[in-house]
């Protein structure tokens, strides 16, 4: 994946709040209470790292978190967050370059897969899949199209903006749900936000 959000790190959260109010934060935080105590957690593409503080509200201690972010500037902001007494290992790499075979109880992918072309998605999902323990939870949040014209227009505007600024490769949303089905995941729960344009799902391996 060639996209890198260094160029948007300084204003990314502000832009998110301006466009979506608190919907993106609420969507990503919705299933955090499902993280088991003492879990090993993998976060991929956590952006500026605010999710570490949201996790600490639920689990102030006891978690072992690996935080993978390709953007060095996003990573620098993430390191300034307060994760409580949880252990956090920061890795400034693309997830494709990270290996942890069947290590994690929970994987969190917030707005990650909209950066991928459909043809590139299966290999990346399989790579991440191998890091989750059997019975583990995968919390995935992303944009979704439900047939409303404004969703399509807003999505295209966003992709064009980040394609120019951050080298995002995709022009459309890949079918992530189909890939989870192919890997044998069970969809446990789902919740939509921002008039159904944002969806968060909890899968079980």
N, C-alpha and C. Protein backbone atom coordinates (compact mmCIF):
# COMPACT_ATOMS: atom_id res chain seq x y z
N UNK A 1 0.84 -1.19 0.00
CA UNK A 1 0.00 0.00 0.00
C UNK A 1 0.88 1.24 0.00
N UNK A 2 0.66 2.15 -0.94
CA UNK A 2 1.52 3.31 -1.08
C UNK A 2 1.03 4.52 -0.29
N UNK A 3 -0.23 4.52 0.14
CA UNK A 3 -0.77 5.70 0.80
C UNK A 3 -0.08 5.94 2.14
N UNK A 4 0.12 7.22 2.46
CA UNK A 4 0.78 7.61 3.69
C UNK A 4 0.21 8.96 4.11
N UNK A 5 -0.24 9.05 5.36
CA UNK A 5 -0.99 10.23 5.80
C UNK A 5 -0.13 11.27 6.51
N UNK A 6 1.17 11.27 6.25
CA UNK A 6 2.05 12.29 6.83
C UNK A 6 1.55 13.70 6.54
N UNK A 7 1.12 13.94 5.31
CA UNK A 7 0.74 15.29 4.89
C UNK A 7 -0.54 15.78 5.54
N UNK A 8 -1.30 14.88 6.14
CA UNK A 8 -2.56 15.29 6.76
C UNK A 8 -2.55 15.16 8.28
N UNK A 9 -1.43 14.75 8.85
CA UNK A 9 -1.38 14.46 10.29
C UNK A 9 -1.77 15.67 11.14
N UNK A 10 -1.34 16.85 10.74
CA UNK A 10 -1.55 18.04 11.58
C UNK A 10 -3.01 18.48 11.64
N UNK A 11 -3.81 18.11 10.64
CA UNK A 11 -5.20 18.58 10.62
C UNK A 11 -6.22 17.46 10.48
N UNK A 12 -5.79 16.22 10.48
CA UNK A 12 -6.69 15.10 10.19
C UNK A 12 -7.86 15.04 11.17
N UNK A 13 -7.58 15.10 12.47
CA UNK A 13 -8.65 15.00 13.46
C UNK A 13 -9.61 16.19 13.37
N UNK A 14 -9.06 17.37 13.13
CA UNK A 14 -9.91 18.56 13.00
C UNK A 14 -10.83 18.46 11.79
N UNK A 15 -10.30 17.96 10.69
CA UNK A 15 -11.10 17.79 9.48
C UNK A 15 -12.20 16.75 9.71
N UNK A 16 -11.84 15.68 10.40
CA UNK A 16 -12.82 14.64 10.72
C UNK A 16 -13.97 15.19 11.53
N UNK A 17 -13.67 15.99 12.54
CA UNK A 17 -14.73 16.57 13.38
C UNK A 17 -15.57 17.56 12.60
N UNK A 18 -14.93 18.32 11.71
CA UNK A 18 -15.66 19.32 10.93
C UNK A 18 -16.67 18.67 9.99
N UNK A 19 -16.29 17.56 9.39
CA UNK A 19 -17.15 16.91 8.40
C UNK A 19 -18.14 15.95 9.06
N UNK A 20 -17.67 15.17 10.02
CA UNK A 20 -18.48 14.08 10.56
C UNK A 20 -18.89 14.28 12.02
N UNK A 21 -18.60 15.45 12.59
CA UNK A 21 -18.87 15.68 14.01
C UNK A 21 -18.17 14.58 14.80
N UNK A 22 -18.85 13.88 15.67
CA UNK A 22 -18.19 12.83 16.45
C UNK A 22 -18.44 11.43 15.93
N UNK A 23 -18.99 11.31 14.72
CA UNK A 23 -19.42 10.00 14.22
C UNK A 23 -18.26 9.02 14.06
N UNK A 24 -17.12 9.49 13.56
CA UNK A 24 -16.00 8.58 13.34
C UNK A 24 -15.43 8.08 14.66
N UNK A 25 -15.36 8.96 15.64
CA UNK A 25 -14.88 8.57 16.97
C UNK A 25 -15.86 7.59 17.61
N UNK A 26 -17.15 7.92 17.55
CA UNK A 26 -18.16 7.06 18.17
C UNK A 26 -18.18 5.67 17.54
N UNK A 27 -18.01 5.62 16.23
CA UNK A 27 -18.03 4.33 15.53
C UNK A 27 -16.85 3.47 15.97
N UNK A 28 -15.67 4.06 16.03
CA UNK A 28 -14.48 3.30 16.40
C UNK A 28 -14.49 2.87 17.86
N UNK A 29 -15.14 3.65 18.70
CA UNK A 29 -15.16 3.35 20.13
C UNK A 29 -16.30 2.41 20.52
N UNK A 30 -17.23 2.17 19.62
CA UNK A 30 -18.47 1.47 19.97
C UNK A 30 -18.23 0.07 20.54
N UNK A 31 -17.34 -0.71 19.94
CA UNK A 31 -17.11 -2.08 20.37
C UNK A 31 -15.91 -2.24 21.31
N UNK A 32 -15.28 -1.15 21.70
CA UNK A 32 -14.12 -1.26 22.58
C UNK A 32 -14.44 -1.95 23.90
N UNK A 33 -15.66 -1.79 24.46
CA UNK A 33 -15.98 -2.52 25.69
C UNK A 33 -15.97 -4.05 25.52
N UNK A 34 -15.94 -4.53 24.29
CA UNK A 34 -15.91 -5.98 24.05
C UNK A 34 -14.50 -6.56 24.18
N UNK A 35 -13.49 -5.71 24.29
CA UNK A 35 -12.12 -6.19 24.45
C UNK A 35 -11.99 -6.89 25.80
N UNK A 36 -11.54 -8.14 25.83
CA UNK A 36 -11.42 -8.85 27.11
C UNK A 36 -10.29 -8.27 27.97
N UNK A 37 -10.44 -8.39 29.26
CA UNK A 37 -9.38 -7.97 30.18
C UNK A 37 -8.12 -8.79 29.91
N UNK A 38 -6.98 -8.11 29.95
CA UNK A 38 -5.70 -8.79 29.75
C UNK A 38 -5.40 -9.19 28.32
N UNK A 39 -6.15 -8.67 27.36
CA UNK A 39 -6.00 -9.08 25.97
C UNK A 39 -4.74 -8.53 25.32
N UNK A 40 -4.27 -9.27 24.32
CA UNK A 40 -3.25 -8.75 23.40
C UNK A 40 -3.99 -8.16 22.21
N UNK A 41 -3.75 -6.87 21.95
CA UNK A 41 -4.53 -6.12 20.97
C UNK A 41 -3.61 -5.56 19.88
N UNK A 42 -4.01 -5.75 18.64
CA UNK A 42 -3.30 -5.17 17.50
C UNK A 42 -4.15 -4.08 16.89
N UNK A 43 -3.61 -2.86 16.82
CA UNK A 43 -4.29 -1.73 16.18
C UNK A 43 -3.51 -1.39 14.92
N UNK A 44 -4.21 -1.36 13.78
CA UNK A 44 -3.54 -1.10 12.50
C UNK A 44 -4.11 0.17 11.90
N UNK A 45 -3.25 1.15 11.67
CA UNK A 45 -3.71 2.40 11.08
C UNK A 45 -4.49 3.25 12.07
N UNK A 46 -3.94 3.41 13.26
CA UNK A 46 -4.64 4.14 14.32
C UNK A 46 -4.61 5.65 14.21
N UNK A 47 -3.95 6.17 13.18
CA UNK A 47 -3.93 7.62 12.98
C UNK A 47 -3.20 8.36 14.08
N UNK A 48 -3.85 9.37 14.64
CA UNK A 48 -3.20 10.22 15.65
C UNK A 48 -3.19 9.59 17.03
N UNK A 49 -3.79 8.42 17.19
CA UNK A 49 -3.66 7.68 18.44
C UNK A 49 -4.70 7.94 19.50
N UNK A 50 -5.71 8.74 19.20
CA UNK A 50 -6.71 9.02 20.24
C UNK A 50 -7.40 7.75 20.72
N UNK A 51 -7.43 6.72 19.86
CA UNK A 51 -8.10 5.47 20.24
C UNK A 51 -7.42 4.82 21.45
N UNK A 52 -6.12 5.08 21.65
CA UNK A 52 -5.43 4.55 22.82
C UNK A 52 -6.04 5.09 24.11
N UNK A 53 -6.42 6.35 24.09
CA UNK A 53 -7.03 6.96 25.27
C UNK A 53 -8.45 6.46 25.48
N UNK A 54 -9.17 6.19 24.38
CA UNK A 54 -10.51 5.63 24.50
C UNK A 54 -10.45 4.21 25.07
N UNK A 55 -9.46 3.44 24.63
CA UNK A 55 -9.30 2.09 25.16
C UNK A 55 -8.98 2.15 26.66
N UNK A 56 -8.16 3.12 27.06
CA UNK A 56 -7.77 3.25 28.46
C UNK A 56 -8.96 3.59 29.36
N UNK A 57 -9.99 4.21 28.78
CA UNK A 57 -11.20 4.48 29.57
C UNK A 57 -11.92 3.19 29.93
N UNK A 58 -11.80 2.18 29.06
CA UNK A 58 -12.45 0.89 29.29
C UNK A 58 -11.53 -0.04 30.08
N UNK A 59 -10.26 -0.07 29.66
CA UNK A 59 -9.25 -0.90 30.31
C UNK A 59 -8.06 0.00 30.68
N UNK A 60 -8.04 0.58 31.86
CA UNK A 60 -6.94 1.46 32.24
C UNK A 60 -5.61 0.75 32.44
N UNK A 61 -5.66 -0.57 32.54
CA UNK A 61 -4.44 -1.35 32.72
C UNK A 61 -4.66 -2.77 32.23
N UNK A 62 -3.57 -3.51 32.02
CA UNK A 62 -3.67 -4.93 31.75
C UNK A 62 -3.59 -5.36 30.30
N UNK A 63 -3.69 -4.42 29.36
CA UNK A 63 -3.64 -4.78 27.95
C UNK A 63 -2.22 -4.70 27.40
N UNK A 64 -1.92 -5.56 26.46
CA UNK A 64 -0.67 -5.49 25.70
C UNK A 64 -1.03 -5.12 24.27
N UNK A 65 -0.71 -3.90 23.88
CA UNK A 65 -1.14 -3.34 22.61
C UNK A 65 0.04 -3.18 21.66
N UNK A 66 -0.12 -3.64 20.44
CA UNK A 66 0.83 -3.35 19.36
C UNK A 66 0.14 -2.37 18.42
N UNK A 67 0.77 -1.24 18.22
CA UNK A 67 0.18 -0.14 17.47
C UNK A 67 0.98 0.06 16.19
N UNK A 68 0.39 -0.30 15.05
CA UNK A 68 1.07 -0.24 13.76
C UNK A 68 0.53 0.93 12.95
N UNK A 69 1.42 1.81 12.54
CA UNK A 69 1.02 2.99 11.76
C UNK A 69 2.14 3.32 10.77
N UNK A 70 1.79 3.44 9.50
CA UNK A 70 2.79 3.67 8.46
C UNK A 70 3.29 5.12 8.43
N UNK A 71 2.47 6.06 8.90
CA UNK A 71 2.84 7.48 8.87
C UNK A 71 3.69 7.84 10.09
N UNK A 72 4.89 8.32 9.84
CA UNK A 72 5.78 8.71 10.94
C UNK A 72 5.20 9.88 11.73
N UNK A 73 4.55 10.80 11.05
CA UNK A 73 3.98 11.97 11.74
C UNK A 73 2.77 11.58 12.58
N UNK A 74 1.95 10.68 12.07
CA UNK A 74 0.84 10.16 12.86
C UNK A 74 1.37 9.41 14.08
N UNK A 75 2.44 8.64 13.87
CA UNK A 75 3.03 7.88 14.96
C UNK A 75 3.58 8.80 16.05
N UNK A 76 4.19 9.91 15.65
CA UNK A 76 4.72 10.86 16.62
C UNK A 76 3.60 11.43 17.49
N UNK A 77 2.46 11.71 16.89
CA UNK A 77 1.31 12.20 17.66
C UNK A 77 0.76 11.11 18.57
N UNK A 78 0.76 9.87 18.07
CA UNK A 78 0.22 8.75 18.86
C UNK A 78 1.05 8.51 20.12
N UNK A 79 2.36 8.68 20.02
CA UNK A 79 3.24 8.45 21.17
C UNK A 79 2.98 9.44 22.31
N UNK A 80 2.33 10.55 22.03
CA UNK A 80 2.04 11.55 23.04
C UNK A 80 0.74 11.27 23.79
N UNK A 81 0.00 10.29 23.32
CA UNK A 81 -1.27 9.94 23.97
C UNK A 81 -1.04 9.23 25.30
N UNK A 82 -2.07 9.24 26.12
CA UNK A 82 -2.00 8.57 27.43
C UNK A 82 -2.76 7.25 27.36
N UNK A 83 -2.06 6.12 27.28
CA UNK A 83 -2.73 4.82 27.18
C UNK A 83 -3.03 4.21 28.55
N UNK A 84 -2.94 5.01 29.59
CA UNK A 84 -3.10 4.48 30.93
C UNK A 84 -1.90 3.63 31.30
N UNK A 85 -2.14 2.54 32.03
CA UNK A 85 -1.05 1.64 32.42
C UNK A 85 -0.93 0.47 31.45
N UNK A 86 -1.57 0.56 30.30
CA UNK A 86 -1.45 -0.49 29.29
C UNK A 86 -0.08 -0.42 28.61
N UNK A 87 0.45 -1.57 28.24
CA UNK A 87 1.72 -1.65 27.53
C UNK A 87 1.47 -1.43 26.04
N UNK A 88 2.19 -0.48 25.42
CA UNK A 88 2.02 -0.20 24.00
C UNK A 88 3.36 -0.30 23.29
N UNK A 89 3.39 -1.11 22.25
CA UNK A 89 4.58 -1.25 21.40
C UNK A 89 4.26 -0.57 20.07
N UNK A 90 4.95 0.51 19.77
CA UNK A 90 4.70 1.28 18.55
C UNK A 90 5.58 0.76 17.42
N UNK A 91 4.96 0.48 16.27
CA UNK A 91 5.70 -0.01 15.09
C UNK A 91 5.36 0.88 13.91
N UNK A 92 6.34 1.61 13.43
CA UNK A 92 6.16 2.55 12.31
C UNK A 92 6.49 1.84 10.99
N UNK A 93 5.56 0.97 10.57
CA UNK A 93 5.72 0.20 9.33
C UNK A 93 4.35 -0.01 8.69
N UNK A 94 4.37 -0.44 7.44
CA UNK A 94 3.15 -0.95 6.83
C UNK A 94 2.83 -2.31 7.44
N UNK A 95 1.56 -2.62 7.59
CA UNK A 95 1.18 -3.88 8.24
C UNK A 95 1.71 -5.07 7.45
N UNK A 96 1.88 -4.92 6.16
CA UNK A 96 2.39 -6.02 5.34
C UNK A 96 3.81 -6.42 5.74
N UNK A 97 4.51 -5.54 6.44
CA UNK A 97 5.89 -5.81 6.86
C UNK A 97 5.99 -6.25 8.32
N UNK A 98 4.84 -6.54 8.94
CA UNK A 98 4.80 -6.93 10.35
C UNK A 98 4.35 -8.38 10.46
N UNK A 99 5.01 -9.15 11.33
CA UNK A 99 4.69 -10.57 11.51
C UNK A 99 4.47 -10.89 12.99
N UNK A 100 3.29 -11.42 13.32
CA UNK A 100 2.97 -11.92 14.67
C UNK A 100 2.03 -13.11 14.52
N UNK A 101 2.50 -14.29 14.16
CA UNK A 101 1.61 -15.44 13.91
C UNK A 101 0.74 -15.80 15.12
N UNK A 102 -0.58 -15.75 14.94
CA UNK A 102 -1.58 -16.13 15.95
C UNK A 102 -1.23 -15.60 17.33
N UNK A 103 -1.04 -14.33 17.41
CA UNK A 103 -0.56 -13.70 18.65
C UNK A 103 -1.66 -12.94 19.38
N UNK A 104 -2.64 -12.41 18.66
CA UNK A 104 -3.54 -11.41 19.24
C UNK A 104 -4.93 -11.97 19.54
N UNK A 105 -5.51 -11.43 20.62
CA UNK A 105 -6.89 -11.74 20.99
C UNK A 105 -7.87 -10.83 20.25
N UNK A 106 -7.44 -9.61 19.95
CA UNK A 106 -8.29 -8.62 19.29
C UNK A 106 -7.47 -7.87 18.25
N UNK A 107 -8.06 -7.67 17.07
CA UNK A 107 -7.46 -6.82 16.04
C UNK A 107 -8.43 -5.68 15.75
N UNK A 108 -7.89 -4.47 15.66
CA UNK A 108 -8.71 -3.28 15.36
C UNK A 108 -8.19 -2.64 14.09
N UNK A 109 -9.07 -2.49 13.10
CA UNK A 109 -8.70 -1.84 11.83
C UNK A 109 -9.65 -0.68 11.57
N UNK A 110 -9.28 0.53 12.00
CA UNK A 110 -10.15 1.69 11.82
C UNK A 110 -9.86 2.42 10.50
N UNK A 111 -10.81 2.40 9.59
CA UNK A 111 -10.70 3.11 8.31
C UNK A 111 -9.39 2.77 7.60
N UNK A 112 -9.08 1.49 7.59
CA UNK A 112 -7.85 1.02 6.94
C UNK A 112 -8.08 0.57 5.51
N UNK A 113 -9.12 -0.22 5.30
CA UNK A 113 -9.24 -0.93 4.03
C UNK A 113 -9.76 -0.07 2.89
N UNK A 114 -10.28 1.12 3.19
CA UNK A 114 -10.67 2.00 2.08
C UNK A 114 -9.45 2.56 1.36
N UNK A 115 -8.26 2.29 1.88
CA UNK A 115 -7.02 2.69 1.21
C UNK A 115 -6.58 1.68 0.15
N UNK A 116 -7.25 0.53 0.09
CA UNK A 116 -6.80 -0.56 -0.78
C UNK A 116 -7.67 -0.72 -2.02
N UNK A 117 -7.03 -1.11 -3.10
CA UNK A 117 -7.76 -1.55 -4.27
C UNK A 117 -8.30 -2.94 -4.00
N UNK A 118 -9.41 -3.30 -4.66
CA UNK A 118 -10.03 -4.59 -4.45
C UNK A 118 -9.06 -5.74 -4.69
N UNK A 119 -8.24 -5.62 -5.72
CA UNK A 119 -7.34 -6.73 -6.05
C UNK A 119 -6.20 -6.90 -5.05
N UNK A 120 -5.91 -5.85 -4.28
CA UNK A 120 -4.83 -5.93 -3.29
C UNK A 120 -5.32 -6.34 -1.90
N UNK A 121 -6.63 -6.27 -1.70
CA UNK A 121 -7.18 -6.47 -0.37
C UNK A 121 -7.05 -7.90 0.15
N UNK A 122 -7.34 -8.95 -0.65
CA UNK A 122 -7.31 -10.31 -0.09
C UNK A 122 -5.98 -10.69 0.54
N UNK A 123 -4.87 -10.36 -0.10
CA UNK A 123 -3.55 -10.73 0.43
C UNK A 123 -3.30 -10.05 1.77
N UNK A 124 -3.69 -8.78 1.88
CA UNK A 124 -3.48 -8.06 3.14
C UNK A 124 -4.37 -8.62 4.24
N UNK A 125 -5.62 -8.90 3.92
CA UNK A 125 -6.51 -9.47 4.93
C UNK A 125 -6.03 -10.83 5.40
N UNK A 126 -5.55 -11.66 4.50
CA UNK A 126 -5.02 -12.97 4.90
C UNK A 126 -3.80 -12.82 5.80
N UNK A 127 -2.96 -11.84 5.48
CA UNK A 127 -1.77 -11.59 6.29
C UNK A 127 -2.15 -11.20 7.72
N UNK A 128 -3.14 -10.31 7.84
CA UNK A 128 -3.59 -9.89 9.17
C UNK A 128 -4.30 -11.05 9.88
N UNK A 129 -5.10 -11.78 9.14
CA UNK A 129 -5.85 -12.93 9.65
C UNK A 129 -4.95 -13.92 10.39
N UNK A 130 -3.75 -14.11 9.89
CA UNK A 130 -2.82 -15.07 10.49
C UNK A 130 -2.31 -14.61 11.86
N UNK A 131 -2.51 -13.34 12.19
CA UNK A 131 -2.04 -12.82 13.47
C UNK A 131 -3.08 -12.94 14.58
N UNK A 132 -4.31 -13.29 14.22
CA UNK A 132 -5.39 -13.38 15.20
C UNK A 132 -5.55 -14.81 15.69
N UNK A 133 -5.65 -14.96 17.00
CA UNK A 133 -5.84 -16.29 17.58
C UNK A 133 -7.22 -16.84 17.20
N UNK A 134 -7.36 -18.16 17.10
CA UNK A 134 -8.68 -18.75 16.89
C UNK A 134 -9.66 -18.29 17.97
N UNK A 135 -10.84 -17.88 17.56
CA UNK A 135 -11.82 -17.35 18.50
C UNK A 135 -11.64 -15.88 18.81
N UNK A 136 -10.61 -15.27 18.23
CA UNK A 136 -10.34 -13.85 18.48
C UNK A 136 -11.34 -12.93 17.81
N UNK A 137 -11.38 -11.67 18.26
CA UNK A 137 -12.30 -10.67 17.73
C UNK A 137 -11.57 -9.73 16.79
N UNK A 138 -12.25 -9.34 15.72
CA UNK A 138 -11.72 -8.36 14.76
C UNK A 138 -12.74 -7.24 14.67
N UNK A 139 -12.35 -6.04 15.11
CA UNK A 139 -13.21 -4.87 15.07
C UNK A 139 -12.82 -4.02 13.87
N UNK A 140 -13.72 -3.93 12.89
CA UNK A 140 -13.42 -3.19 11.67
C UNK A 140 -14.43 -2.05 11.48
N UNK A 141 -13.91 -0.86 11.26
CA UNK A 141 -14.75 0.32 11.02
C UNK A 141 -14.36 0.94 9.70
N UNK A 142 -15.36 1.28 8.90
CA UNK A 142 -15.06 1.87 7.60
C UNK A 142 -16.29 2.57 7.04
N UNK A 143 -16.09 3.27 5.94
CA UNK A 143 -17.22 3.87 5.24
C UNK A 143 -17.98 2.79 4.49
N UNK A 144 -19.27 3.06 4.23
CA UNK A 144 -20.09 2.11 3.51
C UNK A 144 -21.12 2.88 2.67
N UNK A 145 -21.48 2.31 1.56
CA UNK A 145 -22.48 2.91 0.68
C UNK A 145 -23.77 2.13 0.81
N UNK A 146 -24.86 2.84 1.10
CA UNK A 146 -26.16 2.19 1.27
C UNK A 146 -27.18 2.72 0.28
N UNK A 147 -26.71 3.27 -0.85
CA UNK A 147 -27.62 3.69 -1.91
C UNK A 147 -28.03 5.14 -1.90
N UNK A 148 -27.53 5.91 -0.96
CA UNK A 148 -27.87 7.34 -0.89
C UNK A 148 -26.89 8.14 -1.74
N UNK A 149 -27.40 9.03 -2.59
CA UNK A 149 -26.56 9.73 -3.56
C UNK A 149 -25.46 10.55 -2.89
N UNK A 150 -25.78 11.16 -1.76
CA UNK A 150 -24.80 12.03 -1.11
C UNK A 150 -23.62 11.23 -0.55
N UNK A 151 -23.86 9.96 -0.20
CA UNK A 151 -22.76 9.12 0.28
C UNK A 151 -21.72 8.93 -0.83
N UNK A 152 -22.21 8.64 -2.02
CA UNK A 152 -21.32 8.42 -3.15
C UNK A 152 -20.54 9.70 -3.47
N UNK A 153 -21.23 10.83 -3.46
CA UNK A 153 -20.59 12.11 -3.76
C UNK A 153 -19.53 12.46 -2.72
N UNK A 154 -19.87 12.26 -1.45
CA UNK A 154 -18.93 12.58 -0.38
C UNK A 154 -17.73 11.65 -0.42
N UNK A 155 -17.97 10.37 -0.69
CA UNK A 155 -16.88 9.41 -0.77
C UNK A 155 -15.91 9.78 -1.89
N UNK A 156 -16.45 10.11 -3.06
CA UNK A 156 -15.59 10.47 -4.18
C UNK A 156 -14.76 11.71 -3.87
N UNK A 157 -15.37 12.68 -3.20
CA UNK A 157 -14.65 13.90 -2.82
C UNK A 157 -13.52 13.57 -1.85
N UNK A 158 -13.80 12.72 -0.90
CA UNK A 158 -12.78 12.33 0.08
C UNK A 158 -11.63 11.59 -0.58
N UNK A 159 -11.96 10.62 -1.43
CA UNK A 159 -10.92 9.84 -2.09
C UNK A 159 -10.06 10.71 -3.00
N UNK A 160 -10.68 11.66 -3.68
CA UNK A 160 -9.91 12.56 -4.54
C UNK A 160 -8.97 13.41 -3.70
N UNK A 161 -9.46 13.94 -2.58
CA UNK A 161 -8.64 14.77 -1.70
C UNK A 161 -7.43 14.00 -1.18
N UNK A 162 -7.67 12.80 -0.67
CA UNK A 162 -6.57 12.03 -0.09
C UNK A 162 -5.70 11.36 -1.15
N UNK A 163 -6.25 11.16 -2.34
CA UNK A 163 -5.42 10.65 -3.43
C UNK A 163 -4.35 11.70 -3.79
N UNK A 164 -4.76 12.97 -3.84
CA UNK A 164 -3.83 14.04 -4.18
C UNK A 164 -2.85 14.30 -3.05
N UNK A 165 -3.33 14.24 -1.81
CA UNK A 165 -2.51 14.63 -0.67
C UNK A 165 -1.68 13.49 -0.11
N UNK A 166 -2.25 12.29 -0.11
CA UNK A 166 -1.64 11.16 0.62
C UNK A 166 -1.39 9.94 -0.25
N UNK A 167 -1.58 10.05 -1.54
CA UNK A 167 -1.33 8.97 -2.49
C UNK A 167 -2.23 7.75 -2.25
N UNK A 168 -3.44 7.98 -1.76
CA UNK A 168 -4.41 6.88 -1.64
C UNK A 168 -4.69 6.33 -3.04
N UNK A 169 -4.63 5.02 -3.19
CA UNK A 169 -4.71 4.40 -4.51
C UNK A 169 -6.13 4.12 -4.98
N UNK A 170 -7.05 3.89 -4.05
CA UNK A 170 -8.37 3.41 -4.42
C UNK A 170 -9.28 4.53 -4.91
N UNK A 171 -10.17 4.19 -5.86
CA UNK A 171 -11.21 5.10 -6.32
C UNK A 171 -12.58 4.65 -5.82
N UNK A 172 -12.66 3.49 -5.18
CA UNK A 172 -13.95 2.98 -4.70
C UNK A 172 -13.70 2.10 -3.48
N UNK A 173 -14.77 1.84 -2.75
CA UNK A 173 -14.64 1.01 -1.56
C UNK A 173 -14.53 -0.46 -1.96
N UNK A 174 -13.53 -1.16 -1.43
CA UNK A 174 -13.45 -2.60 -1.71
C UNK A 174 -14.52 -3.34 -0.91
N UNK A 175 -14.84 -4.55 -1.35
CA UNK A 175 -15.85 -5.36 -0.67
C UNK A 175 -15.18 -6.13 0.47
N UNK A 176 -15.07 -5.46 1.60
CA UNK A 176 -14.38 -6.04 2.75
C UNK A 176 -15.18 -7.18 3.36
N UNK A 177 -16.50 -7.02 3.41
CA UNK A 177 -17.34 -8.05 3.98
C UNK A 177 -17.18 -9.39 3.28
N UNK A 178 -17.06 -9.36 1.97
CA UNK A 178 -16.88 -10.60 1.20
C UNK A 178 -15.58 -11.30 1.59
N UNK A 179 -14.53 -10.52 1.83
CA UNK A 179 -13.25 -11.12 2.19
C UNK A 179 -13.30 -11.75 3.58
N UNK A 180 -14.02 -11.11 4.51
CA UNK A 180 -14.20 -11.72 5.83
C UNK A 180 -14.95 -13.04 5.71
N UNK A 181 -15.96 -13.08 4.84
CA UNK A 181 -16.71 -14.32 4.63
C UNK A 181 -15.80 -15.41 4.07
N UNK A 182 -14.95 -15.06 3.12
CA UNK A 182 -14.05 -16.03 2.51
C UNK A 182 -13.09 -16.63 3.53
N UNK A 183 -12.73 -15.83 4.53
CA UNK A 183 -11.81 -16.31 5.55
C UNK A 183 -12.53 -17.04 6.68
N UNK A 184 -13.85 -17.15 6.58
CA UNK A 184 -14.61 -17.93 7.54
C UNK A 184 -15.01 -17.22 8.81
N UNK A 185 -15.00 -15.88 8.81
CA UNK A 185 -15.37 -15.12 10.00
C UNK A 185 -16.88 -15.09 10.20
N UNK A 186 -17.29 -15.01 11.45
CA UNK A 186 -18.70 -14.83 11.81
C UNK A 186 -18.91 -13.36 12.18
N UNK A 187 -19.92 -12.73 11.58
CA UNK A 187 -20.27 -11.37 11.96
C UNK A 187 -21.12 -11.43 13.22
N UNK A 188 -20.58 -10.91 14.32
CA UNK A 188 -21.25 -10.98 15.62
C UNK A 188 -22.24 -9.83 15.79
N UNK A 189 -21.78 -8.63 15.57
CA UNK A 189 -22.63 -7.45 15.72
C UNK A 189 -22.17 -6.38 14.73
N UNK A 190 -23.10 -5.47 14.38
CA UNK A 190 -22.78 -4.35 13.51
C UNK A 190 -23.59 -3.13 13.93
N UNK A 191 -23.03 -1.96 13.68
CA UNK A 191 -23.69 -0.70 14.04
C UNK A 191 -23.33 0.36 13.01
N UNK A 192 -24.32 1.15 12.59
CA UNK A 192 -24.09 2.21 11.60
C UNK A 192 -24.18 3.59 12.24
N UNK A 193 -23.45 4.52 11.66
CA UNK A 193 -23.39 5.90 12.14
C UNK A 193 -23.47 6.86 10.95
N UNK A 194 -23.68 8.13 11.24
CA UNK A 194 -23.70 9.20 10.24
C UNK A 194 -24.62 8.84 9.08
N UNK A 195 -25.89 8.58 9.41
CA UNK A 195 -26.91 8.23 8.42
C UNK A 195 -26.47 7.07 7.54
N UNK A 196 -25.89 6.07 8.18
CA UNK A 196 -25.48 4.79 7.57
C UNK A 196 -24.23 4.88 6.70
N UNK A 197 -23.55 6.02 6.66
CA UNK A 197 -22.35 6.15 5.82
C UNK A 197 -21.12 5.53 6.49
N UNK A 198 -21.18 5.35 7.81
CA UNK A 198 -20.08 4.76 8.56
C UNK A 198 -20.59 3.51 9.25
N UNK A 199 -19.85 2.41 9.11
CA UNK A 199 -20.27 1.17 9.74
C UNK A 199 -19.14 0.55 10.54
N UNK A 200 -19.46 0.03 11.71
CA UNK A 200 -18.47 -0.70 12.50
C UNK A 200 -19.00 -2.11 12.73
N UNK A 201 -18.12 -3.10 12.61
CA UNK A 201 -18.52 -4.50 12.69
C UNK A 201 -17.57 -5.27 13.60
N UNK A 202 -18.13 -6.20 14.33
CA UNK A 202 -17.33 -7.08 15.18
C UNK A 202 -17.43 -8.49 14.62
N UNK A 203 -16.28 -9.01 14.18
CA UNK A 203 -16.19 -10.36 13.63
C UNK A 203 -15.47 -11.28 14.63
N UNK A 204 -15.79 -12.57 14.52
CA UNK A 204 -15.10 -13.57 15.34
C UNK A 204 -14.46 -14.60 14.43
N UNK A 205 -13.21 -14.93 14.72
CA UNK A 205 -12.46 -15.90 13.92
C UNK A 205 -12.90 -17.33 14.27
